[in-house]
All heavy atoms as atom14 arrays in JSON, in Angstrom:
{
  "sequence": "ALATASAADAKGCLKGAAVGGVAGHYASHHGILGAVAGCV",
  "atom14_mask": [
    [1, 1, 1, 1, 1, 0, 0, 0, 0, 0, 0, 0, 0, 0],
    [1, 1, 1, 1, 1, 1, 1, 1, 0, 0, 0, 0, 0, 0],
    [1, 1, 1, 1, 1, 0, 0, 0, 0, 0, 0, 0, 0, 0],
    [1, 1, 1, 1, 1, 1, 1, 0, 0, 0, 0, 0, 0, 0],
    [1, 1, 1, 1, 1, 0, 0, 0, 0, 0, 0, 0, 0, 0],
    [1, 1, 1, 1, 1, 1, 0, 0, 0, 0, 0, 0, 0, 0],
    [1, 1, 1, 1, 1, 0, 0, 0, 0, 0, 0, 0, 0, 0],
    [1, 1, 1, 1, 1, 0, 0, 0, 0, 0, 0, 0, 0, 0],
    [1, 1, 1, 1, 1, 1, 1, 1, 0, 0, 0, 0, 0, 0],
    [1, 1, 1, 1, 1, 0, 0, 0, 0, 0, 0, 0, 0, 0],
    [1, 1, 1, 1, 1, 1, 1, 1, 1, 0, 0, 0, 0, 0],
    [1, 1, 1, 1, 0, 0, 0, 0, 0, 0, 0, 0, 0, 0],
    [1, 1, 1, 1, 1, 1, 0, 0, 0, 0, 0, 0, 0, 0],
    [1, 1, 1, 1, 1, 1, 1, 1, 0, 0, 0, 0, 0, 0],
    [1, 1, 1, 1, 1, 1, 1, 1, 1, 0, 0, 0, 0, 0],
    [1, 1, 1, 1, 0, 0, 0, 0, 0, 0, 0, 0, 0, 0],
    [1, 1, 1, 1, 1, 0, 0, 0, 0, 0, 0, 0, 0, 0],
    [1, 1, 1, 1, 1, 0, 0, 0, 0, 0, 0, 0, 0, 0],
    [1, 1, 1, 1, 1, 1, 1, 0, 0, 0, 0, 0, 0, 0],
    [1, 1, 1, 1, 0, 0, 0, 0, 0, 0, 0, 0, 0, 0],
    [1, 1, 1, 1, 0, 0, 0, 0, 0, 0, 0, 0, 0, 0],
    [1, 1, 1, 1, 1, 1, 1, 0, 0, 0, 0, 0, 0, 0],
    [1, 1, 1, 1, 1, 0, 0, 0, 0, 0, 0, 0, 0, 0],
    [1, 1, 1, 1, 0, 0, 0, 0, 0, 0, 0, 0, 0, 0],
    [1, 1, 1, 1, 1, 1, 1, 1, 1, 1, 0, 0, 0, 0],
    [1, 1, 1, 1, 1, 1, 1, 1, 1, 1, 1, 1, 0, 0],
    [1, 1, 1, 1, 1, 0, 0, 0, 0, 0, 0, 0, 0, 0],
    [1, 1, 1, 1, 1, 1, 0, 0, 0, 0, 0, 0, 0, 0],
    [1, 1, 1, 1, 1, 1, 1, 1, 1, 1, 0, 0, 0, 0],
    [1, 1, 1, 1, 1, 1, 1, 1, 1, 1, 0, 0, 0, 0],
    [1, 1, 1, 1, 0, 0, 0, 0, 0, 0, 0, 0, 0, 0],
    [1, 1, 1, 1, 1, 1, 1, 1, 0, 0, 0, 0, 0, 0],
    [1, 1, 1, 1, 1, 1, 1, 1, 0, 0, 0, 0, 0, 0],
    [1, 1, 1, 1, 0, 0, 0, 0, 0, 0, 0, 0, 0, 0],
    [1, 1, 1, 1, 1, 0, 0, 0, 0, 0, 0, 0, 0, 0],
    [1, 1, 1, 1, 1, 1, 1, 0, 0, 0, 0, 0, 0, 0],
    [1, 1, 1, 1, 1, 0, 0, 0, 0, 0, 0, 0, 0, 0],
    [1, 1, 1, 1, 0, 0, 0, 0, 0, 0, 0, 0, 0, 0],
    [1, 1, 1, 1, 1, 1, 0, 0, 0, 0, 0, 0, 0, 0],
    [1, 1, 1, 1, 1, 1, 1, 0, 0, 0, 0, 0, 0, 0]
  ],
  "atom14_positions": [
    [[22.09, 28.75, -20.05], [21.29, 28.55, -21.26], [22.13, 27.99, -22.39], [21.69, 27.11, -23.13], [20.63, 29.86, -21.67], [0.0, 0.0, 0.0], [0.0, 0.0, 0.0], [0.0, 0.0, 0.0], [0.0, 0.0, 0.0], [0.0, 0.0, 0.0], [0.0, 0.0, 0.0], [0.0, 0.0, 0.0], [0.0, 0.0, 0.0], [0.0, 0.0, 0.0]],
    [[23.34, 28.49, -22.54], [24.22, 28.0, -23.6], [24.69, 26.58, -23.33], [24.89, 25.79, -24.25], [25.41, 28.93, -23.78], [25.1, 30.31, -24.37], [26.35, 31.17, -24.38], [24.53, 30.18, -25.76], [0.0, 0.0, 0.0], [0.0, 0.0, 0.0], [0.0, 0.0, 0.0], [0.0, 0.0, 0.0], [0.0, 0.0, 0.0], [0.0, 0.0, 0.0]],
    [[24.88, 26.25, -22.06], [25.36, 24.91, -21.72], [24.28, 23.85, -21.93], [24.59, 22.7, -22.26], [25.84, 24.89, -20.27], [0.0, 0.0, 0.0], [0.0, 0.0, 0.0], [0.0, 0.0, 0.0], [0.0, 0.0, 0.0], [0.0, 0.0, 0.0], [0.0, 0.0, 0.0], [0.0, 0.0, 0.0], [0.0, 0.0, 0.0], [0.0, 0.0, 0.0]],
    [[23.03, 24.2, -21.73], [21.96, 23.22, -21.85], [21.31, 23.18, -23.22], [20.52, 22.29, -23.5], [20.86, 23.49, -20.8], [20.34, 24.8, -21.01], [21.4, 23.35, -19.39], [0.0, 0.0, 0.0], [0.0, 0.0, 0.0], [0.0, 0.0, 0.0], [0.0, 0.0, 0.0], [0.0, 0.0, 0.0], [0.0, 0.0, 0.0], [0.0, 0.0, 0.0]],
    [[21.63, 24.13, -24.06], [21.01, 24.19, -25.39], [21.63, 23.15, -26.3], [22.83, 22.91, -26.28], [21.17, 25.57, -25.99], [0.0, 0.0, 0.0], [0.0, 0.0, 0.0], [0.0, 0.0, 0.0], [0.0, 0.0, 0.0], [0.0, 0.0, 0.0], [0.0, 0.0, 0.0], [0.0, 0.0, 0.0], [0.0, 0.0, 0.0], [0.0, 0.0, 0.0]],
    [[20.81, 22.53, -27.11], [21.31, 21.57, -28.1], [21.53, 22.31, -29.42], [21.06, 23.42, -29.62], [20.32, 20.43, -28.29], [19.11, 20.94, -28.79], [0.0, 0.0, 0.0], [0.0, 0.0, 0.0], [0.0, 0.0, 0.0], [0.0, 0.0, 0.0], [0.0, 0.0, 0.0], [0.0, 0.0, 0.0], [0.0, 0.0, 0.0], [0.0, 0.0, 0.0]],
    [[22.21, 21.66, -30.31], [22.47, 22.26, -31.61], [21.15, 22.37, -32.37], [20.38, 21.42, -32.47], [23.45, 21.42, -32.4], [0.0, 0.0, 0.0], [0.0, 0.0, 0.0], [0.0, 0.0, 0.0], [0.0, 0.0, 0.0], [0.0, 0.0, 0.0], [0.0, 0.0, 0.0], [0.0, 0.0, 0.0], [0.0, 0.0, 0.0], [0.0, 0.0, 0.0]],
    [[20.89, 23.53, -32.91], [19.62, 23.77, -33.61], [19.87, 23.74, -35.12], [20.91, 24.14, -35.6], [19.05, 25.12, -33.21], [0.0, 0.0, 0.0], [0.0, 0.0, 0.0], [0.0, 0.0, 0.0], [0.0, 0.0, 0.0], [0.0, 0.0, 0.0], [0.0, 0.0, 0.0], [0.0, 0.0, 0.0], [0.0, 0.0, 0.0], [0.0, 0.0, 0.0]],
    [[18.89, 23.26, -35.84], [18.94, 23.27, -37.29], [18.37, 24.61, -37.74], [17.22, 24.91, -37.51], [18.12, 22.12, -37.85], [18.29, 21.97, -39.33], [19.26, 22.52, -39.88], [17.44, 21.31, -39.95], [0.0, 0.0, 0.0], [0.0, 0.0, 0.0], [0.0, 0.0, 0.0], [0.0, 0.0, 0.0], [0.0, 0.0, 0.0], [0.0, 0.0, 0.0]],
    [[19.22, 25.43, -38.36], [18.82, 26.8, -38.68], [18.3, 26.96, -40.1], [18.3, 28.06, -40.63], [20.01, 27.72, -38.45], [0.0, 0.0, 0.0], [0.0, 0.0, 0.0], [0.0, 0.0, 0.0], [0.0, 0.0, 0.0], [0.0, 0.0, 0.0], [0.0, 0.0, 0.0], [0.0, 0.0, 0.0], [0.0, 0.0, 0.0], [0.0, 0.0, 0.0]],
    [[17.86, 25.87, -40.69], [17.38, 25.96, -42.06], [16.13, 26.83, -42.12], [15.14, 26.57, -41.46], [17.06, 24.57, -42.59], [16.74, 24.54, -44.07], [16.41, 23.15, -44.52], [17.66, 22.32, -44.57], [17.44, 21.0, -45.14], [0.0, 0.0, 0.0], [0.0, 0.0, 0.0], [0.0, 0.0, 0.0], [0.0, 0.0, 0.0], [0.0, 0.0, 0.0]],
    [[16.16, 27.88, -42.88], [15.03, 28.77, -43.02], [15.05, 29.92, -42.03], [14.52, 30.99, -42.3], [0.0, 0.0, 0.0], [0.0, 0.0, 0.0], [0.0, 0.0, 0.0], [0.0, 0.0, 0.0], [0.0, 0.0, 0.0], [0.0, 0.0, 0.0], [0.0, 0.0, 0.0], [0.0, 0.0, 0.0], [0.0, 0.0, 0.0], [0.0, 0.0, 0.0]],
    [[15.65, 29.72, -40.88], [15.62, 30.74, -39.83], [16.49, 31.94, -40.19], [16.08, 33.08, -39.99], [16.08, 30.14, -38.51], [16.03, 31.29, -37.14], [0.0, 0.0, 0.0], [0.0, 0.0, 0.0], [0.0, 0.0, 0.0], [0.0, 0.0, 0.0], [0.0, 0.0, 0.0], [0.0, 0.0, 0.0], [0.0, 0.0, 0.0], [0.0, 0.0, 0.0]],
    [[17.67, 31.71, -40.7], [18.59, 32.81, -40.98], [18.06, 33.73, -42.08], [18.1, 34.96, -41.94], [19.97, 32.27, -41.36], [20.67, 31.47, -40.26], [21.97, 30.9, -40.79], [20.9, 32.33, -39.05], [0.0, 0.0, 0.0], [0.0, 0.0, 0.0], [0.0, 0.0, 0.0], [0.0, 0.0, 0.0], [0.0, 0.0, 0.0], [0.0, 0.0, 0.0]],
    [[17.55, 33.14, -43.13], [17.01, 33.94, -44.22], [15.77, 34.7, -43.76], [15.61, 35.9, -44.04], [16.66, 33.03, -45.39], [16.16, 33.75, -46.6], [15.88, 32.76, -47.72], [15.33, 33.44, -48.94], [14.99, 32.48, -49.99], [0.0, 0.0, 0.0], [0.0, 0.0, 0.0], [0.0, 0.0, 0.0], [0.0, 0.0, 0.0], [0.0, 0.0, 0.0]],
    [[14.9, 34.04, -43.03], [13.7, 34.69, -42.52], [14.02, 35.79, -41.53], [13.38, 36.85, -41.52], [0.0, 0.0, 0.0], [0.0, 0.0, 0.0], [0.0, 0.0, 0.0], [0.0, 0.0, 0.0], [0.0, 0.0, 0.0], [0.0, 0.0, 0.0], [0.0, 0.0, 0.0], [0.0, 0.0, 0.0], [0.0, 0.0, 0.0], [0.0, 0.0, 0.0]],
    [[15.03, 35.56, -40.68], [15.42, 36.58, -39.71], [15.99, 37.81, -40.4], [15.72, 38.95, -39.98], [16.43, 36.01, -38.73], [0.0, 0.0, 0.0], [0.0, 0.0, 0.0], [0.0, 0.0, 0.0], [0.0, 0.0, 0.0], [0.0, 0.0, 0.0], [0.0, 0.0, 0.0], [0.0, 0.0, 0.0], [0.0, 0.0, 0.0], [0.0, 0.0, 0.0]],
    [[16.75, 37.61, -41.44], [17.32, 38.75, -42.17], [16.21, 39.58, -42.82], [16.18, 40.81, -42.69], [18.31, 38.27, -43.22], [0.0, 0.0, 0.0], [0.0, 0.0, 0.0], [0.0, 0.0, 0.0], [0.0, 0.0, 0.0], [0.0, 0.0, 0.0], [0.0, 0.0, 0.0], [0.0, 0.0, 0.0], [0.0, 0.0, 0.0], [0.0, 0.0, 0.0]],
    [[15.3, 38.92, -43.49], [14.21, 39.62, -44.16], [13.29, 40.28, -43.13], [12.9, 41.45, -43.27], [13.41, 38.66, -45.07], [12.17, 39.32, -45.61], [14.3, 38.17, -46.19], [0.0, 0.0, 0.0], [0.0, 0.0, 0.0], [0.0, 0.0, 0.0], [0.0, 0.0, 0.0], [0.0, 0.0, 0.0], [0.0, 0.0, 0.0], [0.0, 0.0, 0.0]],
    [[12.95, 39.56, -42.07], [12.07, 40.1, -41.04], [12.7, 41.25, -40.29], [12.03, 42.21, -39.92], [0.0, 0.0, 0.0], [0.0, 0.0, 0.0], [0.0, 0.0, 0.0], [0.0, 0.0, 0.0], [0.0, 0.0, 0.0], [0.0, 0.0, 0.0], [0.0, 0.0, 0.0], [0.0, 0.0, 0.0], [0.0, 0.0, 0.0], [0.0, 0.0, 0.0]],
    [[14.01, 41.17, -40.04], [14.7, 42.25, -39.34], [14.71, 43.54, -40.15], [14.46, 44.63, -39.61], [0.0, 0.0, 0.0], [0.0, 0.0, 0.0], [0.0, 0.0, 0.0], [0.0, 0.0, 0.0], [0.0, 0.0, 0.0], [0.0, 0.0, 0.0], [0.0, 0.0, 0.0], [0.0, 0.0, 0.0], [0.0, 0.0, 0.0], [0.0, 0.0, 0.0]],
    [[14.97, 43.44, -41.43], [14.96, 44.62, -42.29], [13.54, 45.18, -42.4], [13.34, 46.4, -42.28], [15.52, 44.27, -43.69], [15.32, 45.41, -44.66], [17.0, 43.94, -43.58], [0.0, 0.0, 0.0], [0.0, 0.0, 0.0], [0.0, 0.0, 0.0], [0.0, 0.0, 0.0], [0.0, 0.0, 0.0], [0.0, 0.0, 0.0], [0.0, 0.0, 0.0]],
    [[12.56, 44.3, -42.59], [11.18, 44.78, -42.7], [10.71, 45.42, -41.4], [10.07, 46.47, -41.42], [10.26, 43.62, -43.07], [0.0, 0.0, 0.0], [0.0, 0.0, 0.0], [0.0, 0.0, 0.0], [0.0, 0.0, 0.0], [0.0, 0.0, 0.0], [0.0, 0.0, 0.0], [0.0, 0.0, 0.0], [0.0, 0.0, 0.0], [0.0, 0.0, 0.0]],
    [[11.05, 44.81, -40.27], [10.66, 45.37, -38.98], [11.33, 46.7, -38.7], [10.73, 47.62, -38.13], [0.0, 0.0, 0.0], [0.0, 0.0, 0.0], [0.0, 0.0, 0.0], [0.0, 0.0, 0.0], [0.0, 0.0, 0.0], [0.0, 0.0, 0.0], [0.0, 0.0, 0.0], [0.0, 0.0, 0.0], [0.0, 0.0, 0.0], [0.0, 0.0, 0.0]],
    [[12.58, 46.83, -39.13], [13.3, 48.09, -38.92], [12.66, 49.22, -39.71], [12.44, 50.31, -39.19], [14.76, 47.93, -39.31], [15.52, 49.21, -39.3], [15.86, 49.84, -38.13], [15.98, 49.99, -40.31], [16.52, 50.97, -38.43], [16.6, 51.07, -39.75], [0.0, 0.0, 0.0], [0.0, 0.0, 0.0], [0.0, 0.0, 0.0], [0.0, 0.0, 0.0]],
    [[12.38, 48.96, -40.97], [11.83, 50.01, -41.81], [10.35, 50.28, -41.52], [9.87, 51.39, -41.71], [12.02, 49.7, -43.29], [13.43, 49.95, -43.73], [14.27, 48.91, -44.11], [13.95, 51.24, -43.76], [15.57, 49.15, -44.5], [15.25, 51.49, -44.14], [16.05, 50.44, -44.51], [17.34, 50.67, -44.88], [0.0, 0.0, 0.0], [0.0, 0.0, 0.0]],
    [[9.63, 49.28, -41.07], [8.2, 49.46, -40.83], [7.94, 50.26, -39.56], [7.16, 51.21, -39.56], [7.5, 48.12, -40.75], [0.0, 0.0, 0.0], [0.0, 0.0, 0.0], [0.0, 0.0, 0.0], [0.0, 0.0, 0.0], [0.0, 0.0, 0.0], [0.0, 0.0, 0.0], [0.0, 0.0, 0.0], [0.0, 0.0, 0.0], [0.0, 0.0, 0.0]],
    [[8.58, 49.89, -38.46], [8.26, 50.56, -37.21], [9.42, 50.57, -36.22], [9.2, 50.65, -35.03], [7.04, 49.89, -36.57], [7.35, 48.53, -36.31], [0.0, 0.0, 0.0], [0.0, 0.0, 0.0], [0.0, 0.0, 0.0], [0.0, 0.0, 0.0], [0.0, 0.0, 0.0], [0.0, 0.0, 0.0], [0.0, 0.0, 0.0], [0.0, 0.0, 0.0]],
    [[10.65, 50.45, -36.71], [11.85, 50.46, -35.86], [11.82, 49.33, -34.83], [12.23, 49.51, -33.7], [12.04, 51.82, -35.18], [12.22, 52.93, -36.16], [13.35, 53.05, -36.93], [11.41, 53.96, -36.5], [13.24, 54.12, -37.7], [12.06, 54.68, -37.46], [0.0, 0.0, 0.0], [0.0, 0.0, 0.0], [0.0, 0.0, 0.0], [0.0, 0.0, 0.0]],
    [[11.3, 48.19, -35.2], [11.3, 47.0, -34.37], [12.02, 45.88, -35.1], [11.44, 44.85, -35.44], [9.86, 46.57, -34.02], [9.2, 47.47, -33.05], [8.39, 48.5, -33.45], [9.24, 47.5, -31.7], [7.95, 49.14, -32.38], [8.45, 48.55, -31.31], [0.0, 0.0, 0.0], [0.0, 0.0, 0.0], [0.0, 0.0, 0.0], [0.0, 0.0, 0.0]],
    [[13.29, 46.08, -35.36], [14.07, 45.12, -36.12], [14.21, 43.78, -35.43], [14.15, 42.73, -36.07], [0.0, 0.0, 0.0], [0.0, 0.0, 0.0], [0.0, 0.0, 0.0], [0.0, 0.0, 0.0], [0.0, 0.0, 0.0], [0.0, 0.0, 0.0], [0.0, 0.0, 0.0], [0.0, 0.0, 0.0], [0.0, 0.0, 0.0], [0.0, 0.0, 0.0]],
    [[14.39, 43.78, -34.11], [14.57, 42.52, -33.39], [13.28, 41.72, -33.4], [13.29, 40.51, -33.63], [15.06, 42.79, -31.96], [16.45, 43.4, -32.01], [15.05, 41.51, -31.13], [16.99, 43.84, -30.69], [0.0, 0.0, 0.0], [0.0, 0.0, 0.0], [0.0, 0.0, 0.0], [0.0, 0.0, 0.0], [0.0, 0.0, 0.0], [0.0, 0.0, 0.0]],
    [[12.17, 42.38, -33.17], [10.88, 41.69, -33.21], [10.62, 41.12, -34.6], [10.14, 40.0, -34.75], [9.76, 42.65, -32.8], [8.37, 42.06, -32.68], [8.36, 40.99, -31.6], [7.37, 43.15, -32.36], [0.0, 0.0, 0.0], [0.0, 0.0, 0.0], [0.0, 0.0, 0.0], [0.0, 0.0, 0.0], [0.0, 0.0, 0.0], [0.0, 0.0, 0.0]],
    [[10.96, 41.89, -35.63], [10.81, 41.4, -37.0], [11.71, 40.22, -37.29], [11.32, 39.28, -37.99], [0.0, 0.0, 0.0], [0.0, 0.0, 0.0], [0.0, 0.0, 0.0], [0.0, 0.0, 0.0], [0.0, 0.0, 0.0], [0.0, 0.0, 0.0], [0.0, 0.0, 0.0], [0.0, 0.0, 0.0], [0.0, 0.0, 0.0], [0.0, 0.0, 0.0]],
    [[12.93, 40.25, -36.75], [13.86, 39.14, -36.95], [13.36, 37.86, -36.29], [13.45, 36.77, -36.86], [15.24, 39.5, -36.42], [0.0, 0.0, 0.0], [0.0, 0.0, 0.0], [0.0, 0.0, 0.0], [0.0, 0.0, 0.0], [0.0, 0.0, 0.0], [0.0, 0.0, 0.0], [0.0, 0.0, 0.0], [0.0, 0.0, 0.0], [0.0, 0.0, 0.0]],
    [[12.8, 37.99, -35.1], [12.27, 36.82, -34.41], [11.08, 36.25, -35.18], [10.98, 35.04, -35.39], [11.87, 37.18, -32.96], [11.1, 36.05, -32.31], [13.1, 37.52, -32.14], [0.0, 0.0, 0.0], [0.0, 0.0, 0.0], [0.0, 0.0, 0.0], [0.0, 0.0, 0.0], [0.0, 0.0, 0.0], [0.0, 0.0, 0.0], [0.0, 0.0, 0.0]],
    [[10.18, 37.11, -35.59], [9.02, 36.64, -36.35], [9.46, 36.03, -37.69], [8.93, 35.0, -38.11], [8.05, 37.79, -36.59], [0.0, 0.0, 0.0], [0.0, 0.0, 0.0], [0.0, 0.0, 0.0], [0.0, 0.0, 0.0], [0.0, 0.0, 0.0], [0.0, 0.0, 0.0], [0.0, 0.0, 0.0], [0.0, 0.0, 0.0], [0.0, 0.0, 0.0]],
    [[10.42, 36.65, -38.35], [10.92, 36.11, -39.61], [11.57, 34.74, -39.44], [11.43, 33.86, -40.28], [0.0, 0.0, 0.0], [0.0, 0.0, 0.0], [0.0, 0.0, 0.0], [0.0, 0.0, 0.0], [0.0, 0.0, 0.0], [0.0, 0.0, 0.0], [0.0, 0.0, 0.0], [0.0, 0.0, 0.0], [0.0, 0.0, 0.0], [0.0, 0.0, 0.0]],
    [[12.27, 34.57, -38.33], [12.9, 33.28, -38.04], [11.84, 32.2, -37.85], [11.96, 31.1, -38.38], [13.78, 33.4, -36.81], [14.57, 31.85, -36.33], [0.0, 0.0, 0.0], [0.0, 0.0, 0.0], [0.0, 0.0, 0.0], [0.0, 0.0, 0.0], [0.0, 0.0, 0.0], [0.0, 0.0, 0.0], [0.0, 0.0, 0.0], [0.0, 0.0, 0.0]],
    [[10.81, 32.52, -37.1], [9.75, 31.54, -36.84], [9.04, 31.18, -38.15], [8.81, 29.99, -38.43], [8.75, 32.1, -35.8], [7.51, 31.23, -35.72], [9.42, 32.22, -34.45], [0.0, 0.0, 0.0], [0.0, 0.0, 0.0], [0.0, 0.0, 0.0], [0.0, 0.0, 0.0], [0.0, 0.0, 0.0], [0.0, 0.0, 0.0], [0.0, 0.0, 0.0]]
  ]
}
């Protein structure tokens, strides 16, 4: 997967993932799911 992946533009994803991860953690202990949704 790492060998075939191209470089991704992470504009907006990192900030959204951080906010979504914190919100998901505090809301229902689903920090990873919140981070993914925040990134999207």
